[in-house]
């Protein structure tokens, strides 16, 4: 089993410090969608995963100098890919981990059949992970 490093494309903030309820502090929970893919790296069905260290990915995108602690994550949007044969397919992921997201690609029809992402596949839309974190 090989762990492929996910390439972060963006962090979309859904709730930030200015949205804090009841005068929340700098330690308030934040929410967002972290967008990433495998950037042309083969991810073999049932053996490979795409991994992202959540705190590092979020801190790199925020660039505010604060320390991020990841609190949880879930699939927000499946990845969309096009094969070299022109077949469009959505790929979702089974998730494990706490501070890192370990993502194993599976078919969106049953969320269990393993799927390969080939090097020749074009990623149209990256995987979106709903993430929550705190900053200090």
Protein backbone atom coordinates (compact mmCIF):
# COMPACT_ATOMS: atom_id res chain seq x y z
CA UNK A 1 0.00 0.00 0.00
CA UNK A 2 1.44 3.34 -1.06
CA UNK A 3 0.52 6.68 0.43
CA UNK A 4 0.39 9.41 -2.22
CA UNK A 5 0.73 12.99 -1.00
CA UNK A 6 -2.31 15.08 -1.84
CA UNK A 7 -1.75 18.37 -3.65
CA UNK A 8 -3.84 21.11 -2.04
CA UNK A 9 -5.57 23.37 -4.54
CA UNK A 10 -7.49 25.71 -2.20
CA UNK A 11 -9.14 26.21 1.18
CA UNK A 12 -12.62 27.68 1.05
CA UNK A 13 -13.47 29.18 4.46
CA UNK A 14 -17.11 28.70 5.44
CA UNK A 15 -16.87 30.11 8.94
CA UNK A 16 -14.00 32.28 10.10
CA UNK A 17 -13.13 34.39 13.12
CA UNK A 18 -15.46 37.25 12.12
CA UNK A 19 -18.40 34.83 12.01
CA UNK A 20 -17.88 33.60 15.58
CA UNK A 21 -21.06 33.31 17.61
CA UNK A 22 -21.36 35.09 20.97
CA UNK A 23 -18.03 36.93 20.64
CA UNK A 24 -16.00 33.76 20.04
CA UNK A 25 -12.28 33.92 20.75
CA UNK A 26 -9.29 33.14 18.56
CA UNK A 27 -9.65 29.51 19.65
CA UNK A 28 -13.13 29.28 18.11
CA UNK A 29 -13.88 26.46 15.73
CA UNK A 30 -13.49 27.26 12.05
CA UNK A 31 -15.05 25.39 9.12
CA UNK A 32 -14.04 25.12 5.49
CA UNK A 33 -13.64 22.92 2.44
CA UNK A 34 -10.12 21.77 1.61
CA UNK A 35 -9.75 21.02 -2.12
CA UNK A 36 -6.99 18.62 -3.23
CA UNK A 37 -6.08 15.92 -5.75
CA UNK A 38 -3.22 13.59 -6.72
CA UNK A 39 -1.82 15.78 -9.57
CA UNK A 40 -1.25 13.07 -12.16
CA UNK A 41 0.09 10.46 -9.75
CA UNK A 42 -1.34 6.95 -10.15
CA UNK A 43 -3.53 5.89 -7.23
CA UNK A 44 -4.08 2.14 -7.58
CA UNK A 45 -7.45 0.70 -6.52
CA UNK A 46 -7.49 -1.09 -3.17
CA UNK A 47 -3.78 -0.53 -2.48
CA UNK A 48 -3.03 3.23 -2.61
CA UNK A 49 -4.34 6.25 -0.74
CA UNK A 50 -4.09 10.02 -1.08
CA UNK A 51 -2.94 11.50 2.23
CA UNK A 52 -3.09 15.07 3.52
CA UNK A 53 -1.80 16.36 6.86
CA UNK A 54 -4.77 18.60 7.66
CA UNK A 55 -3.16 21.12 10.03
CA UNK A 56 -0.23 21.70 7.68
CA UNK A 57 -2.50 22.06 4.64
CA UNK A 58 -4.78 24.53 6.43
CA UNK A 59 -1.90 26.58 7.90
CA UNK A 60 -0.24 26.81 4.47
CA UNK A 61 -3.45 28.12 2.92
CA UNK A 62 -4.29 30.59 5.73
CA UNK A 63 -0.81 32.14 6.06
CA UNK A 64 -1.77 33.90 9.31
CA UNK A 65 1.03 32.50 11.50
CA UNK A 66 -1.36 30.70 13.86
CA UNK A 67 -1.11 27.07 14.92
CA UNK A 68 -3.96 24.96 13.53
CA UNK A 69 -5.39 21.89 15.25
CA UNK A 70 -7.59 19.70 13.03
CA UNK A 71 -10.81 18.60 14.77
CA UNK A 72 -12.63 16.55 12.11
CA UNK A 73 -13.29 16.02 8.42
CA UNK A 74 -15.76 14.42 5.96
CA UNK A 75 -16.28 14.20 2.19
CA UNK A 76 -17.91 17.40 0.94
CA UNK A 77 -17.62 16.80 -2.83
CA UNK A 78 -16.40 13.80 -4.85
CA UNK A 79 -13.48 14.19 -7.26
CA UNK A 80 -14.37 14.31 -10.98
CA UNK A 81 -11.94 12.77 -13.47
CA UNK A 82 -11.83 12.08 -17.20
CA UNK A 83 -9.99 8.98 -18.44
CA UNK A 84 -7.76 8.98 -21.52
CA UNK A 85 -10.70 7.28 -23.31
CA UNK A 86 -12.90 10.30 -22.52
CA UNK A 87 -15.01 8.63 -19.82
CA UNK A 88 -16.11 11.05 -17.08
CA UNK A 89 -16.38 9.54 -13.61
CA UNK A 90 -16.84 10.78 -10.10
CA UNK A 91 -14.62 9.26 -7.43
CA UNK A 92 -15.34 9.53 -3.74
CA UNK A 93 -13.15 8.34 -0.90
CA UNK A 94 -13.37 6.30 2.26
CA UNK A 95 -11.67 8.27 5.00
CA UNK A 96 -9.57 7.35 8.01
CA UNK A 97 -7.32 9.31 10.34
CA UNK A 98 -7.58 12.11 12.85
CA UNK A 99 -4.89 14.72 12.18
CA UNK A 100 -4.22 13.41 8.66
CA UNK A 101 -6.81 12.43 6.08
CA UNK A 102 -6.10 9.05 4.49
CA UNK A 103 -8.32 8.83 1.42
CA UNK A 104 -8.92 5.58 -0.49
CA UNK A 105 -10.68 6.13 -3.85
CA UNK A 106 -14.03 4.33 -4.29
CA UNK A 107 -16.94 4.42 -6.76
CA UNK A 108 -19.70 6.95 -6.03
CA UNK A 109 -22.45 4.46 -6.88
CA UNK A 110 -21.83 2.20 -3.87
CA UNK A 111 -19.08 3.99 -1.89
CA UNK A 112 -17.19 0.68 -1.55
CA UNK A 113 -15.85 -0.54 -4.94
CA UNK A 114 -12.19 0.47 -5.22
CA UNK A 115 -11.27 2.78 -8.13
CA UNK A 116 -7.91 3.51 -9.77
CA UNK A 117 -6.93 7.05 -10.68
CA UNK A 118 -4.59 6.69 -13.65
CA UNK A 119 -1.69 9.03 -14.44
CA UNK A 120 -3.37 9.84 -17.77
CA UNK A 121 -6.67 10.81 -16.07
CA UNK A 122 -7.51 14.51 -16.08
CA UNK A 123 -8.85 15.79 -12.78
CA UNK A 124 -11.68 18.22 -13.60
CA UNK A 125 -12.72 18.88 -10.00
CA UNK A 126 -10.54 17.99 -7.00
CA UNK A 127 -11.80 16.19 -3.91
CA UNK A 128 -13.47 18.50 -1.40
CA UNK A 129 -13.08 17.66 2.29
CA UNK A 130 -15.24 19.46 4.82
CA UNK A 131 -12.82 20.26 7.66
CA UNK A 132 -13.15 21.85 11.06
CA UNK A 133 -10.22 23.24 13.05
CA UNK A 134 -9.17 25.59 15.79
CA UNK A 135 -6.40 28.18 15.74
CA UNK A 136 -4.19 29.42 18.56
